[in-house]
Amino acid sequence: MDITFLGAAGGVTGSCHLVRVGDRRLLLDCGMFQGGREEEAHNRDPFPFDAAALDAVVLSHAHLDHSGRLPLLARRGFRGPVHATPATIDLARVLLRDAAHLQESDAERENRRRLRQGKGLVKPLFTADDVEAALRLFRPLDFDVPADILPGVRATLVPAGHILGAASIVLDLEEDGRRRRVAFSGDIGQDDSCMLPPPRPPDRADLVLLESTYGDRNHRARAATHEEIAGVLESAWEAGGNLFIPAFSIGRTQELLTLFAQHYDEWRLDRWLLFVDSPMAIQANTVHLRHDHLVREEARPLFAGRGLRERLPNLRETASTEESMRINSVRRGALVIAGSGMCTGGRILHHFRHNLWRRECRVMIVGYQGEGTLGRRLVDGAERVTIHGEEIRVAAGIHTIGGLSAHAGQDELAAWYGAIEGRPAVALVHGEARGREGLARRLSAAWGVQPTLPRAGELIAL
């Protein structure tokens, strides 16, 4: 029995870990690499295993950095089941279909340019057909229901609190009478989310694969974060322009809407024109309504019936391209939530082209910005950025809100691990160098453990 780390090992995207039990092979996640061109080029690399010989996949949650290469896996011969919670399956359907559309659109646009230049054509990373082939492989697995998914492999999904349906994965493995339990955290949410119940660690394990995105630091207190948001909203209104929030369509957008509904009067949101400008986020809103039993009890009324609509009467969901384009005729008072969360694509880029150079406009960054992304350049104070081949001057005010992360901070990660019986061996994944090293120091100081910091391709024997 062993585990090979094939992604999110020294970085925060491309989550993928290969588990071997005798002659059985399964993956924990099969995510897309995201960020700069060099990072994303790895998505086209061959898998370091035979996809057709793989027996199963267990998916922690729907975000593309965990699910985004499943269509490639299907194209290259994988025919086994993909186990995930029902909510994850519904959200993955939305995300993967949207990703295929973007891949095909980007390839078409690039090929028009290449034809003019007499260059060779490119193919999309995957197509809509590849996505449908992958979606046919999904099999629902409810929280806290152990399932024998392969001979010698029992999987149990535990709530992780990251996004709707997100799970930590517990694998009970058996080979030749030897038994081992592996716990893969997936992405762990904060304890005090306004929308989701807190994450729940497994009771015991022999090896823990623990995410470390924010392993070196804690987030601002929730109350301080709310005060900060209120301040940005007030200053943005006084500046006399529009406010743009690049946000992940799944998870972050719904959390923002929950906060806006809960603080509607306090934050004087009635004076804004509120837009959710993302077809994917609009579909995700519907999925949240379908699985409202998974949200916190106090937030449940917002996801039942017309609860959200009644609390946010000035909310507009702009599904079509034409509706999105009309937003740019609004010169003042538009509050626009649009994808993508790291500003690497989607409608937020079109809004930036029309507004980023306007001093009276504001941008509120509410999530993690990976190395090499446009969002990271804005956070780092870039004076000029390139969008769709055009250089844009950055005159709008950029505000970063740190406390809304869907990832746990250092204290919460340490507490999650510390609740597991016996302080098992731990490998830190899904983190850049400072996150992993910071969490390693914290765990070592607290419990004397020496975490492994695996690199891509490294193997741990069980």
Protein backbone atom coordinates (compact mmCIF):
# COMPACT_ATOMS: atom_id res chain seq x y z
CA MET A 1 0.00 0.00 0.00
CA ASP A 2 1.30 3.44 -0.88
CA ILE A 3 0.34 6.97 -1.95
CA THR A 4 1.97 8.99 -4.74
CA PHE A 5 1.49 12.76 -4.76
CA LEU A 6 0.77 13.95 -8.30
CA GLY A 7 -0.60 17.48 -7.79
CA ALA A 8 -1.08 20.19 -5.17
CA ALA A 9 2.27 19.06 -3.77
CA GLY A 10 4.16 22.31 -3.31
CA GLY A 11 1.31 24.35 -4.83
CA VAL A 12 -2.39 25.00 -4.34
CA THR A 13 -3.85 23.65 -7.58
CA GLY A 14 -3.93 20.35 -9.45
CA SER A 15 -5.00 18.24 -6.45
CA CYS A 16 -4.34 14.59 -7.31
CA HIS A 17 -3.06 11.69 -5.18
CA LEU A 18 -2.72 8.09 -6.38
CA VAL A 19 -3.48 5.36 -3.82
CA ARG A 20 -2.31 1.79 -4.46
CA VAL A 21 -3.70 -1.17 -2.54
CA GLY A 22 -2.38 -4.44 -3.96
CA ASP A 23 -3.34 -4.41 -7.63
CA ARG A 24 -6.01 -1.72 -7.11
CA ARG A 25 -5.45 1.93 -8.04
CA LEU A 26 -7.61 4.89 -7.13
CA LEU A 27 -7.26 8.66 -7.22
CA LEU A 28 -8.10 11.19 -4.56
CA ASP A 29 -9.18 14.13 -6.77
CA CYS A 30 -8.10 14.84 -10.33
CA GLY A 31 -7.78 18.61 -10.40
CA MET A 32 -6.73 21.22 -12.89
CA PHE A 33 -3.55 23.27 -12.55
CA GLN A 34 -4.43 26.96 -12.43
CA GLY A 35 -2.49 30.21 -12.38
CA GLY A 36 0.05 31.44 -14.92
CA ARG A 37 0.72 29.95 -18.35
CA GLU A 38 3.58 27.79 -17.11
CA GLU A 39 1.43 26.29 -14.38
CA GLU A 40 -1.59 25.70 -16.66
CA ALA A 41 0.61 24.06 -19.32
CA HIS A 42 0.92 21.05 -16.97
CA ASN A 43 -2.75 20.24 -17.66
CA ARG A 44 -1.68 18.90 -21.05
CA ASP A 45 1.01 16.63 -19.62
CA PRO A 46 0.33 12.88 -19.83
CA PHE A 47 -0.91 11.28 -16.62
CA PRO A 48 1.93 9.41 -14.89
CA PHE A 49 -0.28 6.31 -14.79
CA ASP A 50 -2.48 4.35 -17.18
CA ALA A 51 -5.88 6.03 -17.00
CA ALA A 52 -7.60 2.97 -18.45
CA ALA A 53 -6.15 0.77 -15.68
CA LEU A 54 -7.33 3.06 -12.88
CA ASP A 55 -10.11 1.51 -10.78
CA ALA A 56 -11.85 4.51 -9.16
CA VAL A 57 -11.74 8.17 -8.19
CA VAL A 58 -12.99 9.72 -4.96
CA LEU A 59 -13.64 13.44 -5.33
CA SER A 60 -13.44 15.77 -2.33
CA HIS A 61 -15.40 18.64 -3.91
CA ALA A 62 -16.34 20.31 -7.17
CA HIS A 63 -13.83 23.15 -7.55
CA LEU A 64 -11.84 22.79 -10.77
CA ASP A 65 -8.48 22.55 -9.01
CA HIS A 66 -9.87 19.27 -7.61
CA SER A 67 -12.15 18.05 -10.42
CA GLY A 68 -11.00 19.79 -13.60
CA ARG A 69 -8.99 16.99 -15.23
CA LEU A 70 -11.71 14.36 -14.90
CA PRO A 71 -12.76 14.97 -18.55
CA LEU A 72 -9.17 14.30 -19.62
CA LEU A 73 -9.15 11.15 -17.51
CA ALA A 74 -12.28 9.93 -19.31
CA ARG A 75 -10.85 10.85 -22.72
CA ARG A 76 -7.71 8.82 -21.96
CA GLY A 77 -9.60 5.66 -21.13
CA PHE A 78 -10.80 5.79 -17.52
CA ARG A 79 -14.15 4.01 -17.15
CA GLY A 80 -14.38 3.44 -13.40
CA PRO A 81 -16.68 5.19 -10.93
CA VAL A 82 -16.14 8.71 -9.57
CA HIS A 83 -17.51 8.79 -6.02
CA ALA A 84 -18.69 12.12 -4.57
CA THR A 85 -21.51 13.59 -2.52
CA PRO A 86 -24.75 14.38 -4.40
CA ALA A 87 -24.19 18.14 -3.97
CA THR A 88 -20.65 17.82 -5.33
CA ILE A 89 -21.97 15.94 -8.36
CA ASP A 90 -24.53 18.67 -9.06
CA LEU A 91 -21.93 21.43 -8.72
CA ALA A 92 -19.32 19.54 -10.76
CA ARG A 93 -21.87 19.25 -13.56
CA VAL A 94 -22.14 23.04 -13.61
CA LEU A 95 -18.41 23.70 -13.30
CA LEU A 96 -17.16 21.17 -15.82
CA ARG A 97 -19.67 22.10 -18.50
CA ASP A 98 -18.75 25.74 -18.10
CA ALA A 99 -15.04 24.87 -18.23
CA ALA A 100 -15.54 22.97 -21.50
CA HIS A 101 -17.36 25.94 -22.99
CA LEU A 102 -14.48 28.24 -22.02
CA GLN A 103 -11.88 25.81 -23.36
CA GLU A 104 -13.64 25.56 -26.71
CA SER A 105 -14.26 29.33 -26.93
CA ASP A 106 -10.65 30.17 -26.05
CA ALA A 107 -9.34 27.69 -28.62
CA GLU A 108 -11.64 29.11 -31.29
CA ARG A 109 -10.51 32.68 -30.55
CA GLU A 110 -6.84 31.65 -30.51
CA ASN A 111 -7.20 29.78 -33.79
CA ARG A 112 -8.70 32.82 -35.52
CA ARG A 113 -5.60 34.74 -34.48
CA ARG A 114 -3.29 31.94 -35.58
CA LEU A 115 -4.96 31.67 -38.99
CA ARG A 116 -4.25 35.37 -39.59
CA GLN A 117 -0.62 34.78 -38.64
CA GLY A 118 -0.23 31.56 -40.60
CA LYS A 119 0.47 29.48 -37.49
CA GLY A 120 -0.67 25.96 -36.57
CA LEU A 121 -3.99 25.51 -34.80
CA VAL A 122 -4.53 24.51 -31.17
CA LYS A 123 -7.08 22.15 -29.61
CA PRO A 124 -9.06 22.79 -26.43
CA LEU A 125 -7.84 20.99 -23.34
CA PHE A 126 -11.12 19.07 -23.33
CA THR A 127 -14.52 19.35 -24.98
CA ALA A 128 -18.18 19.17 -23.98
CA ASP A 129 -18.23 15.53 -25.09
CA ASP A 130 -15.34 14.75 -22.74
CA VAL A 131 -17.25 16.36 -19.89
CA GLU A 132 -20.39 14.35 -20.57
CA ALA A 133 -18.32 11.15 -20.64
CA ALA A 134 -16.87 12.04 -17.23
CA LEU A 135 -20.24 12.99 -15.74
CA ARG A 136 -21.66 9.59 -16.66
CA LEU A 137 -19.09 8.03 -14.31
CA PHE A 138 -20.23 9.88 -11.17
CA ARG A 139 -21.74 7.82 -8.35
CA PRO A 140 -23.34 9.51 -5.30
CA LEU A 141 -21.99 8.77 -1.84
CA ASP A 142 -23.69 10.43 1.13
CA PHE A 143 -21.89 11.89 4.11
CA ASP A 144 -21.07 9.47 6.93
CA VAL A 145 -22.13 6.35 4.99
CA PRO A 146 -19.16 3.93 4.66
CA ALA A 147 -19.05 2.28 1.24
CA ASP A 148 -16.90 -0.58 -0.03
CA ILE A 149 -15.87 0.99 -3.31
CA LEU A 150 -13.22 -1.61 -4.23
CA PRO A 151 -11.99 -4.87 -2.73
CA GLY A 152 -9.96 -3.80 0.29
CA VAL A 153 -11.07 -0.16 0.06
CA ARG A 154 -13.84 1.38 2.17
CA ALA A 155 -14.54 5.11 1.74
CA THR A 156 -16.35 7.43 4.12
CA LEU A 157 -17.04 11.10 3.33
CA VAL A 158 -17.06 13.57 6.22
CA PRO A 159 -18.25 17.22 5.99
CA ALA A 160 -15.33 19.58 5.32
CA GLY A 161 -17.16 22.93 5.43
CA HIS A 162 -15.35 24.36 2.38
CA ILE A 163 -18.17 24.63 -0.16
CA LEU A 164 -21.52 22.91 -0.49
CA GLY A 165 -20.98 19.14 -0.53
CA ALA A 166 -17.24 19.36 0.19
CA ALA A 167 -15.86 16.33 2.00
CA SER A 168 -12.83 15.04 3.77
CA ILE A 169 -12.19 11.49 2.57
CA VAL A 170 -11.45 8.62 4.95
CA LEU A 171 -10.12 5.45 3.34
CA ASP A 172 -9.94 2.18 5.27
CA LEU A 173 -7.49 0.01 3.34
CA GLU A 174 -6.73 -3.70 3.69
CA GLU A 175 -4.09 -5.79 1.94
CA ASP A 176 -2.91 -9.28 2.99
CA GLY A 177 -4.38 -8.83 6.45
CA ARG A 178 -2.74 -5.43 7.02
CA ARG A 179 -5.05 -2.50 7.64
CA ARG A 180 -4.36 1.20 7.30
CA ARG A 181 -6.58 4.27 7.52
CA VAL A 182 -5.79 7.33 5.40
CA ALA A 183 -7.60 10.62 5.96
CA PHE A 184 -7.46 13.20 3.16
CA SER A 185 -8.68 16.56 4.43
CA GLY A 186 -9.63 17.95 1.03
CA ASP A 187 -10.10 21.69 1.48
CA ILE A 188 -11.17 22.56 5.02
CA GLY A 189 -13.48 25.51 5.63
CA GLN A 190 -13.51 27.98 8.48
CA ASP A 191 -15.36 27.11 11.67
CA ASP A 192 -17.54 30.23 11.63
CA SER A 193 -18.80 30.37 8.05
CA CYS A 194 -22.08 32.26 7.75
CA MET A 195 -23.41 29.56 5.42
CA LEU A 196 -21.93 26.11 6.12
CA PRO A 197 -21.56 24.03 9.29
CA PRO A 198 -18.00 23.70 10.61
CA PRO A 199 -15.69 20.98 9.28
CA ARG A 200 -15.49 17.69 11.14
CA PRO A 201 -12.21 15.75 11.45
CA PRO A 202 -12.10 11.95 11.44
CA ASP A 203 -11.72 10.26 14.81
CA ARG A 204 -8.52 8.41 13.90
CA ALA A 205 -6.08 7.74 11.07
CA ASP A 206 -2.66 6.24 10.37
CA LEU A 207 -1.77 8.94 7.84
CA VAL A 208 -3.32 12.36 7.28
CA LEU A 209 -3.06 14.33 4.03
CA LEU A 210 -3.72 17.86 5.26
CA GLU A 211 -4.24 20.99 3.19
CA SER A 212 -2.06 23.98 4.11
CA THR A 213 -3.25 26.85 1.92
CA TYR A 214 -3.20 29.26 4.86
CA GLY A 215 -0.95 27.16 7.06
CA ASP A 216 1.28 30.10 7.95
CA ARG A 217 -1.38 32.56 9.14
CA ASN A 218 -4.84 33.13 10.52
CA HIS A 219 -7.68 35.10 9.00
CA ARG A 220 -9.10 38.23 10.48
CA ALA A 221 -11.83 37.76 13.04
CA ARG A 222 -15.25 37.47 11.44
CA ALA A 223 -16.59 40.62 13.15
CA ALA A 224 -13.59 42.64 11.97
CA THR A 225 -14.09 41.30 8.45
CA HIS A 226 -17.71 42.44 8.44
CA GLU A 227 -16.62 45.90 9.59
CA GLU A 228 -14.06 45.98 6.79
CA ILE A 229 -16.65 45.07 4.17
CA ALA A 230 -18.96 47.77 5.48
CA GLY A 231 -16.12 50.27 5.17
CA VAL A 232 -15.34 49.28 1.58
CA LEU A 233 -19.01 49.54 0.63
CA GLU A 234 -19.25 53.01 2.15
CA SER A 235 -16.03 54.33 0.58
CA ALA A 236 -16.97 52.83 -2.80
CA TRP A 237 -20.33 54.61 -2.69
CA GLU A 238 -18.70 57.89 -1.74
CA ALA A 239 -16.17 57.52 -4.58
CA GLY A 240 -19.06 57.72 -7.03
CA GLY A 241 -18.38 54.76 -9.26
CA ASN A 242 -19.01 51.03 -9.34
CA LEU A 243 -17.77 48.21 -7.13
CA PHE A 244 -16.57 44.94 -8.61
CA ILE A 245 -16.08 41.71 -6.69
CA PRO A 246 -14.29 38.88 -8.50
CA ALA A 247 -15.60 35.77 -6.79
CA PHE A 248 -15.64 32.05 -7.31
CA SER A 249 -19.05 31.23 -8.73
CA ILE A 250 -19.43 28.28 -6.39
CA GLY A 251 -19.12 28.92 -2.68
CA ARG A 252 -17.84 32.47 -2.44
CA THR A 253 -20.71 34.03 -4.40
CA GLN A 254 -23.32 32.28 -2.25
CA GLU A 255 -21.50 33.29 0.94
CA LEU A 256 -21.46 36.92 -0.19
CA LEU A 257 -25.17 36.82 -0.96
CA THR A 258 -25.81 35.33 2.48
CA LEU A 259 -23.81 38.13 4.11
CA PHE A 260 -25.55 40.79 2.02
CA ALA A 261 -28.94 39.41 3.04
CA GLN A 262 -27.98 39.29 6.71
CA HIS A 263 -26.54 42.84 6.70
CA TYR A 264 -28.79 44.43 4.08
CA ASP A 265 -30.01 47.33 6.22
CA GLU A 266 -26.82 47.81 8.21
CA TRP A 267 -24.68 48.08 5.07
CA ARG A 268 -27.26 50.23 3.24
CA LEU A 269 -27.31 47.84 0.32
CA ASP A 270 -30.67 49.15 -0.86
CA ARG A 271 -28.91 52.03 -2.63
CA TRP A 272 -26.88 49.71 -4.87
CA LEU A 273 -27.83 47.84 -8.03
CA LEU A 274 -26.75 44.31 -7.12
CA PHE A 275 -25.69 41.98 -9.93
CA VAL A 276 -24.66 38.35 -9.95
CA ASP A 277 -23.04 38.36 -13.37
CA SER A 278 -22.12 34.74 -13.89
CA PRO A 279 -24.22 32.04 -15.55
CA MET A 280 -22.33 29.46 -13.49
CA ALA A 281 -23.03 31.27 -10.21
CA ILE A 282 -26.71 31.52 -11.12
CA GLN A 283 -26.84 27.77 -11.71
CA ALA A 284 -24.93 27.21 -8.47
CA ASN A 285 -27.52 29.27 -6.60
CA THR A 286 -30.13 26.80 -7.83
CA VAL A 287 -28.04 23.86 -6.63
CA HIS A 288 -27.79 25.45 -3.18
CA LEU A 289 -31.57 25.73 -3.07
CA ARG A 290 -31.83 22.03 -3.96
CA HIS A 291 -29.45 21.03 -1.13
CA ASP A 292 -30.50 23.59 1.48
CA HIS A 293 -30.35 20.89 4.19
CA LEU A 294 -26.55 21.13 4.01
CA VAL A 295 -26.34 24.81 5.06
CA ARG A 296 -26.31 26.12 8.60
CA GLU A 297 -29.68 26.05 10.28
CA GLU A 298 -29.73 29.83 10.76
CA ALA A 299 -29.01 30.40 7.04
CA ARG A 300 -31.51 27.82 5.81
CA PRO A 301 -34.43 30.26 5.39
CA LEU A 302 -32.37 32.15 2.78
CA PHE A 303 -32.10 29.02 0.64
CA ALA A 304 -35.73 27.97 0.90
CA GLY A 305 -38.36 29.24 -1.52
CA ARG A 306 -37.86 32.93 -2.32
CA GLY A 307 -35.95 33.70 0.87
CA LEU A 308 -32.93 35.23 -0.83
CA ARG A 309 -35.05 37.21 -3.29
CA GLU A 310 -37.15 38.65 -0.48
CA ARG A 311 -34.08 39.72 1.51
CA LEU A 312 -32.29 41.13 -1.58
CA PRO A 313 -35.06 42.79 -3.63
CA ASN A 314 -32.56 44.73 -5.78
CA LEU A 315 -30.61 41.63 -6.83
CA ARG A 316 -30.38 40.90 -10.55
CA GLU A 317 -29.01 37.67 -12.01
CA THR A 318 -27.63 38.44 -15.49
CA ALA A 319 -27.40 35.16 -17.34
CA SER A 320 -27.05 36.34 -20.93
CA THR A 321 -24.10 38.07 -22.56
CA GLU A 322 -26.35 40.97 -23.56
CA GLU A 323 -27.48 41.52 -19.98
CA SER A 324 -23.87 41.45 -18.83
CA MET A 325 -22.80 43.98 -21.44
CA ARG A 326 -25.57 46.37 -20.38
CA ILE A 327 -24.04 46.57 -16.89
CA ASN A 328 -21.15 48.54 -18.38
CA SER A 329 -23.54 51.38 -19.26
CA VAL A 330 -24.05 51.93 -15.51
CA ARG A 331 -21.58 54.59 -14.42
CA ARG A 332 -22.43 54.70 -10.73
CA GLY A 333 -23.93 52.45 -8.08
CA ALA A 334 -23.45 49.01 -9.61
CA LEU A 335 -22.19 46.31 -7.24
CA VAL A 336 -21.15 43.42 -9.48
CA ILE A 337 -20.18 39.93 -8.35
CA ALA A 338 -18.58 38.18 -11.33
CA GLY A 339 -16.27 35.27 -12.05
CA SER A 340 -13.55 34.27 -12.01
CA GLY A 341 -12.30 34.38 -8.45
CA MET A 342 -8.63 34.87 -9.38
CA CYS A 343 -9.45 37.10 -12.37
CA THR A 344 -8.05 34.56 -14.81
CA GLY A 345 -11.07 34.63 -17.15
CA GLY A 346 -14.80 35.10 -17.20
CA ARG A 347 -16.91 38.24 -17.17
CA ILE A 348 -14.91 40.07 -14.51
CA LEU A 349 -12.25 40.74 -17.16
CA HIS A 350 -14.74 42.52 -19.41
CA HIS A 351 -15.85 44.71 -16.51
CA PHE A 352 -12.22 45.47 -15.70
CA ARG A 353 -11.61 46.61 -19.29
CA HIS A 354 -14.44 49.14 -18.90
CA ASN A 355 -13.79 50.21 -15.32
CA LEU A 356 -10.33 49.39 -13.97
CA TRP A 357 -8.92 52.65 -15.35
CA ARG A 358 -11.65 54.75 -13.65
CA ARG A 359 -10.46 56.34 -10.38
CA GLU A 360 -13.98 56.44 -8.98
CA CYS A 361 -14.38 52.64 -9.21
CA ARG A 362 -13.37 50.05 -6.65
CA VAL A 363 -12.42 46.35 -6.67
CA MET A 364 -12.94 44.19 -3.60
CA ILE A 365 -10.81 41.03 -3.54
CA VAL A 366 -12.46 38.42 -1.31
CA GLY A 367 -10.47 35.24 -1.89
CA TYR A 368 -7.09 33.64 -2.37
CA GLN A 369 -5.13 34.87 -5.39
CA GLY A 370 -2.65 32.33 -6.72
CA GLU A 371 0.83 33.14 -7.94
CA GLY A 372 0.85 34.35 -11.55
CA THR A 373 -2.82 35.37 -11.64
CA LEU A 374 -4.20 38.79 -12.54
CA GLY A 375 -5.82 38.92 -9.12
CA ARG A 376 -2.44 38.50 -7.43
CA ARG A 377 -0.96 41.29 -9.57
CA LEU A 378 -3.77 43.63 -8.53
CA VAL A 379 -3.30 42.74 -4.87
CA ASP A 380 0.44 43.33 -5.23
CA GLY A 381 -0.18 46.85 -6.54
CA ALA A 382 0.35 46.54 -10.30
CA GLU A 383 -0.03 49.90 -12.02
CA ARG A 384 -0.82 48.37 -15.42
CA VAL A 385 -2.22 44.99 -16.44
CA THR A 386 -2.96 43.30 -19.76
CA ILE A 387 -6.50 42.11 -20.42
CA HIS A 388 -7.43 40.41 -23.71
CA GLY A 389 -4.23 41.74 -25.25
CA GLU A 390 -4.87 45.35 -24.20
CA GLU A 391 -2.81 47.19 -21.60
CA ILE A 392 -5.05 48.78 -18.95
CA ARG A 393 -4.01 51.39 -16.40
CA VAL A 394 -5.04 50.46 -12.85
CA ALA A 395 -6.62 53.58 -11.35
CA ALA A 396 -9.49 51.97 -9.44
CA GLY A 397 -8.99 51.38 -5.74
CA ILE A 398 -8.13 47.77 -4.82
CA HIS A 399 -9.31 46.46 -1.44
CA THR A 400 -8.41 43.02 -0.09
CA ILE A 401 -10.74 41.32 2.39
CA GLY A 402 -8.83 38.48 4.05
CA GLY A 403 -11.39 37.03 6.42
CA LEU A 404 -13.83 35.51 3.91
CA SER A 405 -11.63 32.66 2.80
CA ALA A 406 -13.30 29.29 2.32
CA HIS A 407 -10.08 27.78 3.70
CA ALA A 408 -9.28 27.36 7.38
CA GLY A 409 -6.49 29.44 8.88
CA GLN A 410 -3.52 28.06 10.78
CA ASP A 411 -5.27 27.74 14.15
CA GLU A 412 -8.23 25.92 12.62
CA LEU A 413 -6.01 23.57 10.60
CA ALA A 414 -3.99 22.75 13.71
CA ALA A 415 -7.17 22.16 15.73
CA TRP A 416 -8.59 19.90 12.99
CA TYR A 417 -5.45 17.77 13.05
CA GLY A 418 -5.17 17.89 16.84
CA ALA A 419 -8.63 16.36 17.25
CA ILE A 420 -7.51 13.14 15.53
CA GLU A 421 -6.64 10.39 17.96
CA GLY A 422 -2.96 9.59 18.42
CA ARG A 423 -1.47 12.47 16.39
CA PRO A 424 -0.84 10.34 13.28
CA ALA A 425 1.78 10.89 10.61
CA VAL A 426 0.88 13.87 8.43
CA ALA A 427 1.76 14.97 4.90
CA LEU A 428 1.06 18.62 4.07
CA VAL A 429 -0.44 19.22 0.63
CA HIS A 430 -2.33 22.00 -1.17
CA GLY A 431 -0.06 24.82 -0.05
CA GLU A 432 2.73 27.01 -1.34
CA ALA A 433 6.07 26.91 0.45
CA ARG A 434 5.29 29.42 3.19
CA GLY A 435 1.92 27.84 3.97
CA ARG A 436 3.30 24.33 4.27
CA GLU A 437 6.39 25.35 6.20
CA GLY A 438 4.40 27.54 8.58
CA LEU A 439 1.94 24.76 9.37
CA ALA A 440 4.76 22.22 9.73
CA ARG A 441 6.39 24.42 12.39
CA ARG A 442 3.06 24.83 14.18
CA LEU A 443 2.31 21.10 14.28
CA SER A 444 5.85 20.26 15.33
CA ALA A 445 5.80 22.78 18.18
CA ALA A 446 2.36 21.68 19.40
CA TRP A 447 2.67 17.90 19.19
CA GLY A 448 6.24 17.02 18.25
CA VAL A 449 5.21 15.56 14.88
CA GLN A 450 7.47 16.02 11.87
CA PRO A 451 5.20 16.59 8.86
CA THR A 452 6.24 15.40 5.42
CA LEU A 453 6.23 18.06 2.70
CA PRO A 454 5.89 15.90 -0.41
CA ARG A 455 6.85 17.09 -3.86
CA ALA A 456 5.15 16.03 -7.07
CA GLY A 457 5.98 12.40 -7.84
CA GLU A 458 6.99 11.52 -4.27
CA LEU A 459 5.67 8.27 -2.79
CA ILE A 460 4.84 7.35 0.82
CA ALA A 461 4.58 3.69 1.75
CA LEU A 462 1.83 2.76 4.18
